[in-house]
N, C-alpha and C. Protein backbone atom coordinates (compact mmCIF):
# COMPACT_ATOMS: atom_id res chain seq x y z
N MET A 1 155.04 112.95 102.41
CA MET A 1 155.83 113.22 101.22
C MET A 1 157.19 112.52 101.32
N LEU A 2 157.74 112.48 102.55
CA LEU A 2 159.01 111.78 102.74
C LEU A 2 158.88 110.30 102.39
N LEU A 3 157.82 109.67 102.87
CA LEU A 3 157.62 108.25 102.58
C LEU A 3 157.34 108.03 101.09
N ALA A 4 156.59 108.93 100.49
CA ALA A 4 156.30 108.79 99.06
C ALA A 4 157.58 108.88 98.23
N SER A 5 158.46 109.82 98.58
CA SER A 5 159.71 109.94 97.82
C SER A 5 160.60 108.72 98.06
N PHE A 6 160.59 108.19 99.28
CA PHE A 6 161.37 106.98 99.56
C PHE A 6 160.81 105.77 98.81
N THR A 7 159.47 105.60 98.83
CA THR A 7 158.91 104.45 98.13
C THR A 7 159.09 104.59 96.62
N GLY A 8 159.04 105.82 96.11
CA GLY A 8 159.32 106.02 94.69
C GLY A 8 160.74 105.65 94.33
N PHE A 9 161.68 106.06 95.17
CA PHE A 9 163.09 105.70 94.96
C PHE A 9 163.23 104.18 94.95
N MET A 10 162.59 103.52 95.92
CA MET A 10 162.70 102.06 96.02
C MET A 10 162.05 101.36 94.83
N ALA A 11 160.95 101.91 94.33
CA ALA A 11 160.29 101.31 93.17
C ALA A 11 161.20 101.36 91.95
N VAL A 12 161.85 102.49 91.74
CA VAL A 12 162.78 102.61 90.61
C VAL A 12 163.96 101.66 90.81
N ALA A 13 164.53 101.66 92.00
CA ALA A 13 165.69 100.80 92.28
C ALA A 13 165.34 99.33 92.12
N LEU A 14 164.22 98.90 92.69
CA LEU A 14 163.84 97.49 92.59
C LEU A 14 163.46 97.11 91.16
N GLY A 15 162.83 98.03 90.45
CA GLY A 15 162.51 97.76 89.05
C GLY A 15 163.76 97.58 88.21
N ALA A 16 164.73 98.46 88.38
CA ALA A 16 165.98 98.36 87.63
C ALA A 16 166.78 97.13 88.05
N PHE A 17 166.82 96.88 89.35
CA PHE A 17 167.55 95.73 89.86
C PHE A 17 166.94 94.44 89.31
N GLY A 18 165.61 94.37 89.28
CA GLY A 18 164.94 93.20 88.75
C GLY A 18 165.19 93.00 87.26
N ALA A 19 165.22 94.10 86.53
CA ALA A 19 165.42 94.01 85.07
C ALA A 19 166.85 93.61 84.71
N HIS A 20 167.78 93.86 85.60
CA HIS A 20 169.18 93.59 85.27
C HIS A 20 169.79 92.51 86.17
N ALA A 21 170.03 92.83 87.41
CA ALA A 21 170.76 91.92 88.29
C ALA A 21 169.97 90.66 88.65
N LEU A 22 168.64 90.77 88.70
CA LEU A 22 167.83 89.62 89.11
C LEU A 22 167.17 88.90 87.94
N LYS A 23 167.45 89.34 86.74
CA LYS A 23 166.77 88.79 85.57
C LYS A 23 166.90 87.26 85.49
N GLN A 24 168.09 86.75 85.72
CA GLN A 24 168.32 85.30 85.62
C GLN A 24 167.46 84.54 86.63
N VAL A 25 167.42 85.02 87.86
CA VAL A 25 166.63 84.35 88.91
C VAL A 25 165.15 84.39 88.57
N LEU A 26 164.69 85.53 88.10
CA LEU A 26 163.27 85.67 87.76
C LEU A 26 162.88 84.77 86.59
N VAL A 27 163.76 84.64 85.61
CA VAL A 27 163.50 83.76 84.47
C VAL A 27 163.50 82.30 84.94
N GLU A 28 164.49 81.93 85.75
CA GLU A 28 164.56 80.55 86.26
C GLU A 28 163.32 80.19 87.07
N ASN A 29 162.83 81.14 87.86
CA ASN A 29 161.64 80.91 88.68
C ASN A 29 160.34 81.09 87.90
N ASN A 30 160.45 81.52 86.64
CA ASN A 30 159.29 81.82 85.81
C ASN A 30 158.39 82.85 86.51
N ARG A 31 159.02 83.89 87.09
CA ARG A 31 158.30 84.88 87.89
C ARG A 31 158.56 86.31 87.43
N THR A 32 158.97 86.49 86.19
CA THR A 32 159.20 87.85 85.68
C THR A 32 157.91 88.67 85.75
N ASP A 33 156.79 88.08 85.35
CA ASP A 33 155.51 88.80 85.38
C ASP A 33 155.12 89.16 86.82
N THR A 34 155.39 88.27 87.75
CA THR A 34 155.07 88.53 89.15
C THR A 34 155.86 89.73 89.66
N TYR A 35 157.14 89.76 89.35
CA TYR A 35 158.00 90.85 89.79
C TYR A 35 157.55 92.17 89.15
N GLU A 36 157.22 92.13 87.86
CA GLU A 36 156.77 93.34 87.18
C GLU A 36 155.45 93.85 87.76
N LEU A 37 154.56 92.94 88.16
CA LEU A 37 153.32 93.34 88.81
C LEU A 37 153.60 94.04 90.15
N ALA A 38 154.55 93.49 90.90
CA ALA A 38 154.93 94.09 92.18
C ALA A 38 155.45 95.51 91.97
N VAL A 39 156.32 95.69 90.99
CA VAL A 39 156.87 97.01 90.71
C VAL A 39 155.77 97.96 90.25
N ARG A 40 154.88 97.50 89.39
CA ARG A 40 153.81 98.34 88.86
C ARG A 40 152.91 98.85 90.01
N TYR A 41 152.46 97.96 90.86
CA TYR A 41 151.61 98.37 91.98
C TYR A 41 152.37 99.24 92.98
N HIS A 42 153.65 98.96 93.14
CA HIS A 42 154.51 99.78 93.99
C HIS A 42 154.50 101.22 93.48
N PHE A 43 154.65 101.38 92.16
CA PHE A 43 154.64 102.72 91.55
C PHE A 43 153.27 103.38 91.68
N TYR A 44 152.21 102.65 91.38
CA TYR A 44 150.86 103.23 91.45
C TYR A 44 150.61 103.82 92.83
N HIS A 45 150.97 103.07 93.84
CA HIS A 45 150.66 103.51 95.19
C HIS A 45 151.65 104.54 95.71
N THR A 46 152.82 104.61 95.11
CA THR A 46 153.73 105.73 95.39
C THR A 46 153.12 107.03 94.87
N LEU A 47 152.55 106.98 93.67
CA LEU A 47 151.89 108.16 93.12
C LEU A 47 150.70 108.57 93.97
N ALA A 48 149.94 107.58 94.44
CA ALA A 48 148.81 107.87 95.32
C ALA A 48 149.32 108.54 96.61
N LEU A 49 150.42 108.07 97.16
CA LEU A 49 150.99 108.68 98.36
C LEU A 49 151.41 110.13 98.11
N LEU A 50 151.93 110.40 96.93
CA LEU A 50 152.29 111.78 96.59
C LEU A 50 151.06 112.68 96.59
N VAL A 51 149.97 112.20 96.03
CA VAL A 51 148.73 112.98 96.01
C VAL A 51 148.22 113.17 97.43
N ILE A 52 148.21 112.09 98.21
CA ILE A 52 147.73 112.18 99.59
C ILE A 52 148.60 113.14 100.40
N GLY A 53 149.91 113.05 100.22
CA GLY A 53 150.82 113.97 100.92
C GLY A 53 150.55 115.42 100.56
N THR A 54 150.29 115.67 99.29
CA THR A 54 149.97 117.03 98.85
C THR A 54 148.66 117.51 99.49
N LEU A 55 147.67 116.63 99.52
CA LEU A 55 146.40 116.98 100.15
C LEU A 55 146.56 117.21 101.65
N MET A 56 147.41 116.42 102.29
CA MET A 56 147.62 116.58 103.73
C MET A 56 148.28 117.92 104.07
N ASP A 57 149.04 118.46 103.12
CA ASP A 57 149.62 119.80 103.33
C ASP A 57 148.55 120.88 103.32
N ARG A 58 147.44 120.61 102.65
CA ARG A 58 146.37 121.60 102.51
C ARG A 58 145.23 121.40 103.50
N PHE A 59 144.96 120.15 103.87
CA PHE A 59 143.80 119.84 104.71
C PHE A 59 144.22 118.95 105.88
N VAL A 60 143.64 119.23 107.02
CA VAL A 60 143.81 118.34 108.17
C VAL A 60 142.61 117.40 108.16
N CYS A 61 142.88 116.11 107.98
CA CYS A 61 141.78 115.15 107.85
C CYS A 61 142.28 113.78 108.30
N LYS A 62 141.58 113.20 109.27
CA LYS A 62 141.99 111.89 109.77
C LYS A 62 141.88 110.82 108.68
N TRP A 63 140.97 111.01 107.73
CA TRP A 63 140.80 110.03 106.66
C TRP A 63 141.98 110.02 105.70
N LEU A 64 142.59 111.18 105.47
CA LEU A 64 143.79 111.23 104.65
C LEU A 64 144.94 110.51 105.34
N SER A 65 145.07 110.72 106.64
CA SER A 65 146.12 110.02 107.39
C SER A 65 145.91 108.52 107.35
N ALA A 66 144.66 108.09 107.54
CA ALA A 66 144.35 106.66 107.48
C ALA A 66 144.64 106.10 106.09
N SER A 67 144.32 106.88 105.06
CA SER A 67 144.59 106.46 103.69
C SER A 67 146.08 106.27 103.46
N ALA A 68 146.88 107.23 103.91
CA ALA A 68 148.33 107.14 103.73
C ALA A 68 148.89 105.91 104.45
N ILE A 69 148.45 105.68 105.67
CA ILE A 69 148.93 104.53 106.43
C ILE A 69 148.58 103.23 105.71
N CYS A 70 147.35 103.15 105.22
CA CYS A 70 146.94 101.94 104.49
C CYS A 70 147.73 101.76 103.19
N MET A 71 147.99 102.84 102.49
CA MET A 71 148.77 102.75 101.25
C MET A 71 150.18 102.23 101.54
N ILE A 72 150.77 102.68 102.62
CA ILE A 72 152.12 102.25 102.96
C ILE A 72 152.12 100.77 103.37
N ILE A 73 151.25 100.42 104.30
CA ILE A 73 151.21 99.03 104.78
C ILE A 73 150.78 98.09 103.65
N GLY A 74 149.77 98.51 102.90
CA GLY A 74 149.29 97.68 101.79
C GLY A 74 150.36 97.44 100.74
N THR A 75 151.11 98.48 100.41
CA THR A 75 152.19 98.33 99.42
C THR A 75 153.27 97.39 99.94
N LEU A 76 153.63 97.56 101.21
CA LEU A 76 154.63 96.65 101.79
C LEU A 76 154.18 95.20 101.71
N LEU A 77 152.93 94.96 102.06
CA LEU A 77 152.44 93.58 102.06
C LEU A 77 152.18 93.06 100.65
N PHE A 78 151.51 93.86 99.82
CA PHE A 78 151.16 93.41 98.47
C PHE A 78 152.41 93.26 97.61
N SER A 79 153.10 94.35 97.37
CA SER A 79 154.27 94.29 96.50
C SER A 79 155.40 93.51 97.17
N GLY A 80 155.57 93.70 98.47
CA GLY A 80 156.64 92.98 99.17
C GLY A 80 156.48 91.48 99.06
N SER A 81 155.26 90.98 99.23
CA SER A 81 155.04 89.52 99.12
C SER A 81 155.28 89.03 97.69
N LEU A 82 154.91 89.86 96.72
CA LEU A 82 155.16 89.47 95.32
C LEU A 82 156.65 89.49 94.99
N TYR A 83 157.38 90.47 95.52
CA TYR A 83 158.83 90.48 95.33
C TYR A 83 159.44 89.20 95.90
N LEU A 84 159.04 88.85 97.11
CA LEU A 84 159.58 87.65 97.76
C LEU A 84 159.19 86.39 97.00
N LEU A 85 157.95 86.32 96.55
CA LEU A 85 157.49 85.18 95.76
C LEU A 85 158.32 85.03 94.49
N ALA A 86 158.53 86.15 93.81
CA ALA A 86 159.28 86.12 92.55
C ALA A 86 160.73 85.69 92.76
N LEU A 87 161.33 86.11 93.86
CA LEU A 87 162.75 85.81 94.10
C LEU A 87 162.99 84.44 94.70
N THR A 88 162.06 83.97 95.52
CA THR A 88 162.27 82.69 96.20
C THR A 88 161.48 81.55 95.58
N ASN A 89 160.44 81.89 94.83
CA ASN A 89 159.51 80.92 94.26
C ASN A 89 158.78 80.14 95.35
N ASN A 90 158.77 80.68 96.57
CA ASN A 90 158.07 80.07 97.69
C ASN A 90 156.63 80.60 97.70
N THR A 91 155.68 79.74 97.40
CA THR A 91 154.29 80.17 97.25
C THR A 91 153.63 80.56 98.57
N LEU A 92 154.27 80.28 99.70
CA LEU A 92 153.72 80.73 100.98
C LEU A 92 153.61 82.26 101.04
N PHE A 93 154.49 82.95 100.34
CA PHE A 93 154.43 84.41 100.32
C PHE A 93 153.16 84.92 99.64
N ALA A 94 152.60 84.10 98.74
CA ALA A 94 151.39 84.50 98.03
C ALA A 94 150.19 84.63 98.96
N ILE A 95 150.25 84.02 100.13
CA ILE A 95 149.16 84.12 101.10
C ILE A 95 149.01 85.56 101.60
N ILE A 96 150.12 86.28 101.66
CA ILE A 96 150.13 87.65 102.18
C ILE A 96 149.57 88.64 101.16
N THR A 97 149.71 88.35 99.89
CA THR A 97 149.34 89.28 98.82
C THR A 97 147.91 89.79 98.93
N PRO A 98 146.91 88.92 99.09
CA PRO A 98 145.54 89.44 99.17
C PRO A 98 145.28 90.31 100.40
N ILE A 99 145.99 90.05 101.49
CA ILE A 99 145.85 90.89 102.68
C ILE A 99 146.32 92.30 102.34
N GLY A 100 147.46 92.38 101.65
CA GLY A 100 147.96 93.68 101.20
C GLY A 100 146.98 94.35 100.26
N GLY A 101 146.37 93.56 99.39
CA GLY A 101 145.38 94.12 98.45
C GLY A 101 144.17 94.70 99.16
N VAL A 102 143.69 94.02 100.19
CA VAL A 102 142.55 94.52 100.96
C VAL A 102 142.92 95.82 101.67
N ILE A 103 144.13 95.88 102.20
CA ILE A 103 144.57 97.10 102.89
C ILE A 103 144.72 98.25 101.89
N LEU A 104 145.18 97.95 100.67
CA LEU A 104 145.23 98.98 99.63
C LEU A 104 143.83 99.48 99.30
N LEU A 105 142.88 98.57 99.20
CA LEU A 105 141.49 98.97 98.95
C LEU A 105 140.97 99.86 100.07
N MET A 106 141.33 99.53 101.30
CA MET A 106 140.94 100.39 102.43
C MET A 106 141.53 101.78 102.27
N GLY A 107 142.79 101.85 101.82
CA GLY A 107 143.43 103.14 101.59
C GLY A 107 142.68 103.97 100.57
N TRP A 108 142.27 103.33 99.48
CA TRP A 108 141.49 104.05 98.47
C TRP A 108 140.13 104.44 99.02
N GLY A 109 139.54 103.58 99.84
CA GLY A 109 138.26 103.90 100.45
C GLY A 109 138.36 105.10 101.38
N PHE A 110 139.42 105.14 102.19
CA PHE A 110 139.63 106.29 103.09
C PHE A 110 139.88 107.56 102.30
N LEU A 111 140.56 107.44 101.16
CA LEU A 111 140.77 108.62 100.31
C LEU A 111 139.42 109.11 99.76
N PHE A 112 138.56 108.17 99.38
CA PHE A 112 137.23 108.53 98.91
C PHE A 112 136.45 109.24 100.00
N ILE A 113 136.49 108.70 101.21
CA ILE A 113 135.76 109.31 102.33
C ILE A 113 136.28 110.74 102.57
N SER A 114 137.61 110.92 102.50
CA SER A 114 138.15 112.26 102.73
C SER A 114 137.67 113.23 101.65
N ALA A 115 137.60 112.78 100.42
CA ALA A 115 137.12 113.63 99.33
C ALA A 115 135.62 113.92 99.51
N PHE A 116 134.88 112.93 99.93
CA PHE A 116 133.44 113.09 100.15
C PHE A 116 133.19 114.09 101.28
N LYS A 117 133.97 114.01 102.34
CA LYS A 117 133.80 114.92 103.49
C LYS A 117 134.15 116.35 103.11
N LYS A 118 135.09 116.53 102.19
CA LYS A 118 135.52 117.88 101.80
C LYS A 118 134.59 118.51 100.77
N SER A 119 133.77 117.68 100.10
CA SER A 119 132.91 118.24 99.05
C SER A 119 131.59 118.74 99.61
């Protein structure tokens, strides 16, 4: 829950910062859509972390822990690489994005397994 509240705070801060202070850079780099995608996925996975944190308060399950870890690492890699791509326009950062995406998929898979085991 602590990490979810922190990532939620960061998603709001980075979204607002991008819309205002970084707008010129994002427009110059033609990366406004990239930055918005990073913020959107950052928010989606913050909400997922909130759900996982709530479930972890009720159930002890290694799959929930694995899901949370994957959501955190995946968000850092997926959204983080897109933030860097949008700000620097360096396409090398785009190499990291799919790795983050796969780790996010693993997080959702582990969440599915935890739900399947509890049912």
